[in-house]
Amino acid sequence: QSKGHALRIAVLCLSLLAACTSQT
């Protein structure tokens, strides 16, 4: 199976956007 929803979000954040936005 493909990975869970939360892990997919984290991977897409790293893979497609290259850098996530810091909340602080």
mmCIF file of all heavy atoms, coordinates in Angstrom:
data_MODEL
# 
_entry.id   MODEL 
# 
loop_
_atom_site.group_PDB 
_atom_site.id 
_atom_site.type_symbol 
_atom_site.label_atom_id 
_atom_site.label_alt_id 
_atom_site.label_comp_id 
_atom_site.label_asym_id 
_atom_site.label_entity_id 
_atom_site.label_seq_id 
_atom_site.pdbx_PDB_ins_code 
_atom_site.Cartn_x 
_atom_site.Cartn_y 
_atom_site.Cartn_z 
_atom_site.occupancy 
_atom_site.B_iso_or_equiv 
_atom_site.pdbx_formal_charge 
_atom_site.auth_seq_id 
_atom_site.auth_comp_id 
_atom_site.auth_asym_id 
_atom_site.auth_atom_id 
_atom_site.pdbx_PDB_model_num 
ATOM 1   N N   . GLN A 1 1  ? 0.827  -1.192 0.000  1.00 0.00 ? 1  GLN A N   1 
ATOM 2   C CA  . GLN A 1 1  ? 0.000  0.000  0.000  1.00 0.00 ? 1  GLN A CA  1 
ATOM 3   C C   . GLN A 1 1  ? 0.867  1.250  0.000  1.00 0.00 ? 1  GLN A C   1 
ATOM 4   O O   . GLN A 1 1  ? 2.004  1.233  0.420  1.00 0.00 ? 1  GLN A O   1 
ATOM 5   C CB  . GLN A 1 1  ? -0.885 0.028  1.254  1.00 0.00 ? 1  GLN A CB  1 
ATOM 6   C CG  . GLN A 1 1  ? -1.841 -1.130 1.343  1.00 0.00 ? 1  GLN A CG  1 
ATOM 7   C CD  . GLN A 1 1  ? -3.247 -0.737 0.918  1.00 0.00 ? 1  GLN A CD  1 
ATOM 8   O OE1 . GLN A 1 1  ? -3.424 0.242  0.221  1.00 0.00 ? 1  GLN A OE1 1 
ATOM 9   N NE2 . GLN A 1 1  ? -4.205 -1.504 1.317  1.00 0.00 ? 1  GLN A NE2 1 
ATOM 10  N N   . SER A 1 2  ? 0.308  2.360  -0.484 1.00 0.00 ? 2  SER A N   1 
ATOM 11  C CA  . SER A 1 2  ? 0.978  3.643  -0.344 1.00 0.00 ? 2  SER A CA  1 
ATOM 12  C C   . SER A 1 2  ? 0.906  4.091  1.099  1.00 0.00 ? 2  SER A C   1 
ATOM 13  O O   . SER A 1 2  ? 0.130  3.573  1.882  1.00 0.00 ? 2  SER A O   1 
ATOM 14  C CB  . SER A 1 2  ? 0.341  4.691  -1.253 1.00 0.00 ? 2  SER A CB  1 
ATOM 15  O OG  . SER A 1 2  ? -1.027 4.760  -1.034 1.00 0.00 ? 2  SER A OG  1 
ATOM 16  N N   . LYS A 1 3  ? 1.692  5.077  1.508  1.00 0.00 ? 3  LYS A N   1 
ATOM 17  C CA  . LYS A 1 3  ? 1.791  5.468  2.900  1.00 0.00 ? 3  LYS A CA  1 
ATOM 18  C C   . LYS A 1 3  ? 0.564  6.234  3.355  1.00 0.00 ? 3  LYS A C   1 
ATOM 19  O O   . LYS A 1 3  ? -0.269 6.674  2.579  1.00 0.00 ? 3  LYS A O   1 
ATOM 20  C CB  . LYS A 1 3  ? 3.037  6.328  3.114  1.00 0.00 ? 3  LYS A CB  1 
ATOM 21  C CG  . LYS A 1 3  ? 4.317  5.593  2.769  1.00 0.00 ? 3  LYS A CG  1 
ATOM 22  C CD  . LYS A 1 3  ? 4.493  4.353  3.582  1.00 0.00 ? 3  LYS A CD  1 
ATOM 23  C CE  . LYS A 1 3  ? 5.683  3.554  3.159  1.00 0.00 ? 3  LYS A CE  1 
ATOM 24  N NZ  . LYS A 1 3  ? 5.785  2.264  3.806  1.00 0.00 ? 3  LYS A NZ  1 
ATOM 25  N N   . GLY A 1 4  ? 0.468  6.436  4.686  1.00 0.00 ? 4  GLY A N   1 
ATOM 26  C CA  . GLY A 1 4  ? -0.665 7.131  5.273  1.00 0.00 ? 4  GLY A CA  1 
ATOM 27  C C   . GLY A 1 4  ? -0.704 8.603  4.931  1.00 0.00 ? 4  GLY A C   1 
ATOM 28  O O   . GLY A 1 4  ? 0.272  9.176  4.448  1.00 0.00 ? 4  GLY A O   1 
ATOM 29  N N   . HIS A 1 5  ? -1.845 9.225  5.205  1.00 0.00 ? 5  HIS A N   1 
ATOM 30  C CA  . HIS A 1 5  ? -2.096 10.605 4.810  1.00 0.00 ? 5  HIS A CA  1 
ATOM 31  C C   . HIS A 1 5  ? -1.077 11.568 5.412  1.00 0.00 ? 5  HIS A C   1 
ATOM 32  O O   . HIS A 1 5  ? -0.528 12.419 4.711  1.00 0.00 ? 5  HIS A O   1 
ATOM 33  C CB  . HIS A 1 5  ? -3.499 10.991 5.238  1.00 0.00 ? 5  HIS A CB  1 
ATOM 34  C CG  . HIS A 1 5  ? -3.885 12.387 4.878  1.00 0.00 ? 5  HIS A CG  1 
ATOM 35  N ND1 . HIS A 1 5  ? -3.971 12.800 3.565  1.00 0.00 ? 5  HIS A ND1 1 
ATOM 36  C CD2 . HIS A 1 5  ? -4.190 13.455 5.652  1.00 0.00 ? 5  HIS A CD2 1 
ATOM 37  C CE1 . HIS A 1 5  ? -4.340 14.057 3.543  1.00 0.00 ? 5  HIS A CE1 1 
ATOM 38  N NE2 . HIS A 1 5  ? -4.462 14.485 4.788  1.00 0.00 ? 5  HIS A NE2 1 
ATOM 39  N N   . ALA A 1 6  ? -0.793 11.441 6.698  1.00 0.00 ? 6  ALA A N   1 
ATOM 40  C CA  . ALA A 1 6  ? 0.132  12.379 7.330  1.00 0.00 ? 6  ALA A CA  1 
ATOM 41  C C   . ALA A 1 6  ? 1.532  12.251 6.760  1.00 0.00 ? 6  ALA A C   1 
ATOM 42  O O   . ALA A 1 6  ? 2.221  13.249 6.534  1.00 0.00 ? 6  ALA A O   1 
ATOM 43  C CB  . ALA A 1 6  ? 0.170  12.139 8.845  1.00 0.00 ? 6  ALA A CB  1 
ATOM 44  N N   . LEU A 1 7  ? 1.980  11.025 6.498  1.00 0.00 ? 7  LEU A N   1 
ATOM 45  C CA  . LEU A 1 7  ? 3.317  10.835 5.939  1.00 0.00 ? 7  LEU A CA  1 
ATOM 46  C C   . LEU A 1 7  ? 3.378  11.375 4.522  1.00 0.00 ? 7  LEU A C   1 
ATOM 47  O O   . LEU A 1 7  ? 4.363  11.974 4.117  1.00 0.00 ? 7  LEU A O   1 
ATOM 48  C CB  . LEU A 1 7  ? 3.685  9.352  5.959  1.00 0.00 ? 7  LEU A CB  1 
ATOM 49  C CG  . LEU A 1 7  ? 5.103  8.991  5.495  1.00 0.00 ? 7  LEU A CG  1 
ATOM 50  C CD1 . LEU A 1 7  ? 6.131  9.746  6.302  1.00 0.00 ? 7  LEU A CD1 1 
ATOM 51  C CD2 . LEU A 1 7  ? 5.328  7.500  5.576  1.00 0.00 ? 7  LEU A CD2 1 
ATOM 52  N N   . ARG A 1 8  ? 2.314  11.195 3.732  1.00 0.00 ? 8  ARG A N   1 
ATOM 53  C CA  . ARG A 1 8  ? 2.303  11.725 2.376  1.00 0.00 ? 8  ARG A CA  1 
ATOM 54  C C   . ARG A 1 8  ? 2.420  13.237 2.380  1.00 0.00 ? 8  ARG A C   1 
ATOM 55  O O   . ARG A 1 8  ? 3.101  13.841 1.560  1.00 0.00 ? 8  ARG A O   1 
ATOM 56  C CB  . ARG A 1 8  ? 1.026  11.287 1.651  1.00 0.00 ? 8  ARG A CB  1 
ATOM 57  C CG  . ARG A 1 8  ? 1.047  9.839  1.194  1.00 0.00 ? 8  ARG A CG  1 
ATOM 58  C CD  . ARG A 1 8  ? 0.012  9.610  0.116  1.00 0.00 ? 8  ARG A CD  1 
ATOM 59  N NE  . ARG A 1 8  ? -1.329 9.805  0.619  1.00 0.00 ? 8  ARG A NE  1 
ATOM 60  C CZ  . ARG A 1 8  ? -2.075 8.838  1.141  1.00 0.00 ? 8  ARG A CZ  1 
ATOM 61  N NH1 . ARG A 1 8  ? -1.586 7.624  1.233  1.00 0.00 ? 8  ARG A NH1 1 
ATOM 62  N NH2 . ARG A 1 8  ? -3.297 9.075  1.557  1.00 0.00 ? 8  ARG A NH2 1 
ATOM 63  N N   . ILE A 1 9  ? 1.710  13.891 3.326  1.00 0.00 ? 9  ILE A N   1 
ATOM 64  C CA  . ILE A 1 9  ? 1.790  15.346 3.418  1.00 0.00 ? 9  ILE A CA  1 
ATOM 65  C C   . ILE A 1 9  ? 3.220  15.784 3.721  1.00 0.00 ? 9  ILE A C   1 
ATOM 66  O O   . ILE A 1 9  ? 3.761  16.706 3.118  1.00 0.00 ? 9  ILE A O   1 
ATOM 67  C CB  . ILE A 1 9  ? 0.829  15.880 4.494  1.00 0.00 ? 9  ILE A CB  1 
ATOM 68  C CG1 . ILE A 1 9  ? -0.616 15.707 4.015  1.00 0.00 ? 9  ILE A CG1 1 
ATOM 69  C CG2 . ILE A 1 9  ? 1.109  17.349 4.801  1.00 0.00 ? 9  ILE A CG2 1 
ATOM 70  C CD1 . ILE A 1 9  ? -1.641 16.096 5.044  1.00 0.00 ? 9  ILE A CD1 1 
ATOM 71  N N   . ALA A 1 10 ? 3.860  15.078 4.667  1.00 0.00 ? 10 ALA A N   1 
ATOM 72  C CA  . ALA A 1 10 ? 5.229  15.444 5.025  1.00 0.00 ? 10 ALA A CA  1 
ATOM 73  C C   . ALA A 1 10 ? 6.173  15.248 3.849  1.00 0.00 ? 10 ALA A C   1 
ATOM 74  O O   . ALA A 1 10 ? 7.046  16.077 3.586  1.00 0.00 ? 10 ALA A O   1 
ATOM 75  C CB  . ALA A 1 10 ? 5.681  14.603 6.228  1.00 0.00 ? 10 ALA A CB  1 
ATOM 76  N N   . VAL A 1 11 ? 6.023  14.148 3.119  1.00 0.00 ? 11 VAL A N   1 
ATOM 77  C CA  . VAL A 1 11 ? 6.895  13.886 1.986  1.00 0.00 ? 11 VAL A CA  1 
ATOM 78  C C   . VAL A 1 11 ? 6.669  14.908 0.882  1.00 0.00 ? 11 VAL A C   1 
ATOM 79  O O   . VAL A 1 11 ? 7.606  15.426 0.293  1.00 0.00 ? 11 VAL A O   1 
ATOM 80  C CB  . VAL A 1 11 ? 6.667  12.456 1.449  1.00 0.00 ? 11 VAL A CB  1 
ATOM 81  C CG1 . VAL A 1 11 ? 7.411  12.254 0.140  1.00 0.00 ? 11 VAL A CG1 1 
ATOM 82  C CG2 . VAL A 1 11 ? 7.142  11.435 2.468  1.00 0.00 ? 11 VAL A CG2 1 
ATOM 83  N N   . LEU A 1 12 ? 5.402  15.217 0.595  1.00 0.00 ? 12 LEU A N   1 
ATOM 84  C CA  . LEU A 1 12 ? 5.122  16.201 -0.443 1.00 0.00 ? 12 LEU A CA  1 
ATOM 85  C C   . LEU A 1 12 ? 5.681  17.562 -0.073 1.00 0.00 ? 12 LEU A C   1 
ATOM 86  O O   . LEU A 1 12 ? 6.180  18.304 -0.911 1.00 0.00 ? 12 LEU A O   1 
ATOM 87  C CB  . LEU A 1 12 ? 3.613  16.299 -0.681 1.00 0.00 ? 12 LEU A CB  1 
ATOM 88  C CG  . LEU A 1 12 ? 2.998  15.115 -1.419 1.00 0.00 ? 12 LEU A CG  1 
ATOM 89  C CD1 . LEU A 1 12 ? 1.491  15.251 -1.451 1.00 0.00 ? 12 LEU A CD1 1 
ATOM 90  C CD2 . LEU A 1 12 ? 3.544  15.002 -2.825 1.00 0.00 ? 12 LEU A CD2 1 
ATOM 91  N N   . CYS A 1 13 ? 5.618  17.889 1.207  1.00 0.00 ? 13 CYS A N   1 
ATOM 92  C CA  . CYS A 1 13 ? 6.166  19.173 1.663  1.00 0.00 ? 13 CYS A CA  1 
ATOM 93  C C   . CYS A 1 13 ? 7.653  19.247 1.371  1.00 0.00 ? 13 CYS A C   1 
ATOM 94  O O   . CYS A 1 13 ? 8.162  20.255 0.890  1.00 0.00 ? 13 CYS A O   1 
ATOM 95  C CB  . CYS A 1 13 ? 5.897  19.344 3.150  1.00 0.00 ? 13 CYS A CB  1 
ATOM 96  S SG  . CYS A 1 13 ? 6.462  20.890 3.840  1.00 0.00 ? 13 CYS A SG  1 
ATOM 97  N N   . LEU A 1 14 ? 8.351  18.131 1.627  1.00 0.00 ? 14 LEU A N   1 
ATOM 98  C CA  . LEU A 1 14 ? 9.793  18.113 1.394  1.00 0.00 ? 14 LEU A CA  1 
ATOM 99  C C   . LEU A 1 14 ? 10.119 17.970 -0.079 1.00 0.00 ? 14 LEU A C   1 
ATOM 100 O O   . LEU A 1 14 ? 11.017 18.619 -0.604 1.00 0.00 ? 14 LEU A O   1 
ATOM 101 C CB  . LEU A 1 14 ? 10.423 16.943 2.164  1.00 0.00 ? 14 LEU A CB  1 
ATOM 102 C CG  . LEU A 1 14 ? 10.542 17.150 3.669  1.00 0.00 ? 14 LEU A CG  1 
ATOM 103 C CD1 . LEU A 1 14 ? 10.720 15.818 4.350  1.00 0.00 ? 14 LEU A CD1 1 
ATOM 104 C CD2 . LEU A 1 14 ? 11.698 18.065 3.989  1.00 0.00 ? 14 LEU A CD2 1 
ATOM 105 N N   . SER A 1 15 ? 9.367  17.112 -0.756 1.00 0.00 ? 15 SER A N   1 
ATOM 106 C CA  . SER A 1 15 ? 9.733  16.747 -2.109 1.00 0.00 ? 15 SER A CA  1 
ATOM 107 C C   . SER A 1 15 ? 9.312  17.760 -3.145 1.00 0.00 ? 15 SER A C   1 
ATOM 108 O O   . SER A 1 15 ? 10.062 18.063 -4.066 1.00 0.00 ? 15 SER A O   1 
ATOM 109 C CB  . SER A 1 15 ? 9.118  15.383 -2.435 1.00 0.00 ? 15 SER A CB  1 
ATOM 110 O OG  . SER A 1 15 ? 9.464  14.973 -3.722 1.00 0.00 ? 15 SER A OG  1 
ATOM 111 N N   . LEU A 1 16 ? 8.115  18.306 -3.012 1.00 0.00 ? 16 LEU A N   1 
ATOM 112 C CA  . LEU A 1 16 ? 7.586  19.176 -4.043 1.00 0.00 ? 16 LEU A CA  1 
ATOM 113 C C   . LEU A 1 16 ? 7.774  20.654 -3.753 1.00 0.00 ? 16 LEU A C   1 
ATOM 114 O O   . LEU A 1 16 ? 7.871  21.463 -4.670 1.00 0.00 ? 16 LEU A O   1 
ATOM 115 C CB  . LEU A 1 16 ? 6.099  18.879 -4.253 1.00 0.00 ? 16 LEU A CB  1 
ATOM 116 C CG  . LEU A 1 16 ? 5.772  17.434 -4.642 1.00 0.00 ? 16 LEU A CG  1 
ATOM 117 C CD1 . LEU A 1 16 ? 4.282  17.272 -4.845 1.00 0.00 ? 16 LEU A CD1 1 
ATOM 118 C CD2 . LEU A 1 16 ? 6.518  17.035 -5.905 1.00 0.00 ? 16 LEU A CD2 1 
ATOM 119 N N   . LEU A 1 17 ? 7.814  21.013 -2.479 1.00 0.00 ? 17 LEU A N   1 
ATOM 120 C CA  . LEU A 1 17 ? 7.960  22.418 -2.127 1.00 0.00 ? 17 LEU A CA  1 
ATOM 121 C C   . LEU A 1 17 ? 9.364  22.773 -1.679 1.00 0.00 ? 17 LEU A C   1 
ATOM 122 O O   . LEU A 1 17 ? 9.698  23.949 -1.538 1.00 0.00 ? 17 LEU A O   1 
ATOM 123 C CB  . LEU A 1 17 ? 6.966  22.784 -1.012 1.00 0.00 ? 17 LEU A CB  1 
ATOM 124 C CG  . LEU A 1 17 ? 5.486  22.558 -1.358 1.00 0.00 ? 17 LEU A CG  1 
ATOM 125 C CD1 . LEU A 1 17 ? 4.620  23.007 -0.203 1.00 0.00 ? 17 LEU A CD1 1 
ATOM 126 C CD2 . LEU A 1 17 ? 5.110  23.311 -2.619 1.00 0.00 ? 17 LEU A CD2 1 
ATOM 127 N N   . ALA A 1 18 ? 10.159 21.746 -1.382 1.00 0.00 ? 18 ALA A N   1 
ATOM 128 C CA  . ALA A 1 18 ? 11.570 21.907 -0.996 1.00 0.00 ? 18 ALA A CA  1 
ATOM 129 C C   . ALA A 1 18 ? 11.750 22.459 0.395  1.00 0.00 ? 18 ALA A C   1 
ATOM 130 O O   . ALA A 1 18 ? 12.695 22.118 1.074  1.00 0.00 ? 18 ALA A O   1 
ATOM 131 C CB  . ALA A 1 18 ? 12.333 22.775 -1.993 1.00 0.00 ? 18 ALA A CB  1 
ATOM 132 N N   . ALA A 1 19 ? 10.863 23.346 0.881  1.00 0.00 ? 19 ALA A N   1 
ATOM 133 C CA  . ALA A 1 19 ? 10.995 23.854 2.237  1.00 0.00 ? 19 ALA A CA  1 
ATOM 134 C C   . ALA A 1 19 ? 9.623  24.187 2.774  1.00 0.00 ? 19 ALA A C   1 
ATOM 135 O O   . ALA A 1 19 ? 8.836  24.816 2.094  1.00 0.00 ? 19 ALA A O   1 
ATOM 136 C CB  . ALA A 1 19 ? 11.865 25.097 2.267  1.00 0.00 ? 19 ALA A CB  1 
ATOM 137 N N   . CYS A 1 20 ? 9.340  23.760 4.017  1.00 0.00 ? 20 CYS A N   1 
ATOM 138 C CA  . CYS A 1 20 ? 8.058  24.043 4.635  1.00 0.00 ? 20 CYS A CA  1 
ATOM 139 C C   . CYS A 1 20 ? 8.088  25.422 5.271  1.00 0.00 ? 20 CYS A C   1 
ATOM 140 O O   . CYS A 1 20 ? 9.141  25.957 5.575  1.00 0.00 ? 20 CYS A O   1 
ATOM 141 C CB  . CYS A 1 20 ? 7.738  23.004 5.710  1.00 0.00 ? 20 CYS A CB  1 
ATOM 142 S SG  . CYS A 1 20 ? 7.570  21.336 5.054  1.00 0.00 ? 20 CYS A SG  1 
ATOM 143 N N   . THR A 1 21 ? 6.914  25.980 5.498  1.00 0.00 ? 21 THR A N   1 
ATOM 144 C CA  . THR A 1 21 ? 6.822  27.273 6.157  1.00 0.00 ? 21 THR A CA  1 
ATOM 145 C C   . THR A 1 21 ? 6.800  27.076 7.654  1.00 0.00 ? 21 THR A C   1 
ATOM 146 O O   . THR A 1 21 ? 6.002  26.326 8.179  1.00 0.00 ? 21 THR A O   1 
ATOM 147 C CB  . THR A 1 21 ? 5.536  27.997 5.718  1.00 0.00 ? 21 THR A CB  1 
ATOM 148 O OG1 . THR A 1 21 ? 5.613  28.185 4.313  1.00 0.00 ? 21 THR A OG1 1 
ATOM 149 C CG2 . THR A 1 21 ? 5.423  29.344 6.400  1.00 0.00 ? 21 THR A CG2 1 
ATOM 150 N N   . SER A 1 22 ? 7.686  27.756 8.369  1.00 0.00 ? 22 SER A N   1 
ATOM 151 C CA  . SER A 1 22 ? 7.726  27.666 9.822  1.00 0.00 ? 22 SER A CA  1 
ATOM 152 C C   . SER A 1 22 ? 6.509  28.347 10.418 1.00 0.00 ? 22 SER A C   1 
ATOM 153 O O   . SER A 1 22 ? 6.079  29.401 9.969  1.00 0.00 ? 22 SER A O   1 
ATOM 154 C CB  . SER A 1 22 ? 8.999  28.331 10.349 1.00 0.00 ? 22 SER A CB  1 
ATOM 155 O OG  . SER A 1 22 ? 8.951  28.469 11.737 1.00 0.00 ? 22 SER A OG  1 
ATOM 156 N N   . GLN A 1 23 ? 5.920  27.765 11.443 1.00 0.00 ? 23 GLN A N   1 
ATOM 157 C CA  . GLN A 1 23 ? 4.741  28.344 12.071 1.00 0.00 ? 23 GLN A CA  1 
ATOM 158 C C   . GLN A 1 23 ? 5.109  29.488 12.998 1.00 0.00 ? 23 GLN A C   1 
ATOM 159 O O   . GLN A 1 23 ? 4.250  30.259 13.392 1.00 0.00 ? 23 GLN A O   1 
ATOM 160 C CB  . GLN A 1 23 ? 3.988  27.258 12.849 1.00 0.00 ? 23 GLN A CB  1 
ATOM 161 C CG  . GLN A 1 23 ? 3.432  26.174 11.932 1.00 0.00 ? 23 GLN A CG  1 
ATOM 162 C CD  . GLN A 1 23 ? 2.688  25.116 12.703 1.00 0.00 ? 23 GLN A CD  1 
ATOM 163 O OE1 . GLN A 1 23 ? 2.689  25.116 13.939 1.00 0.00 ? 23 GLN A OE1 1 
ATOM 164 N NE2 . GLN A 1 23 ? 2.033  24.214 12.005 1.00 0.00 ? 23 GLN A NE2 1 
ATOM 165 N N   . THR A 1 24 ? 6.359  29.616 13.339 1.00 0.00 ? 24 THR A N   1 
ATOM 166 C CA  . THR A 1 24 ? 6.736  30.653 14.294 1.00 0.00 ? 24 THR A CA  1 
ATOM 167 C C   . THR A 1 24 ? 7.697  31.675 13.713 1.00 0.00 ? 24 THR A C   1 
ATOM 168 O O   . THR A 1 24 ? 7.728  32.814 14.150 1.00 0.00 ? 24 THR A O   1 
ATOM 169 C CB  . THR A 1 24 ? 7.405  30.020 15.533 1.00 0.00 ? 24 THR A CB  1 
ATOM 170 O OG1 . THR A 1 24 ? 8.540  29.262 15.113 1.00 0.00 ? 24 THR A OG1 1 
ATOM 171 C CG2 . THR A 1 24 ? 6.430  29.118 16.249 1.00 0.00 ? 24 THR A CG2 1 
# 
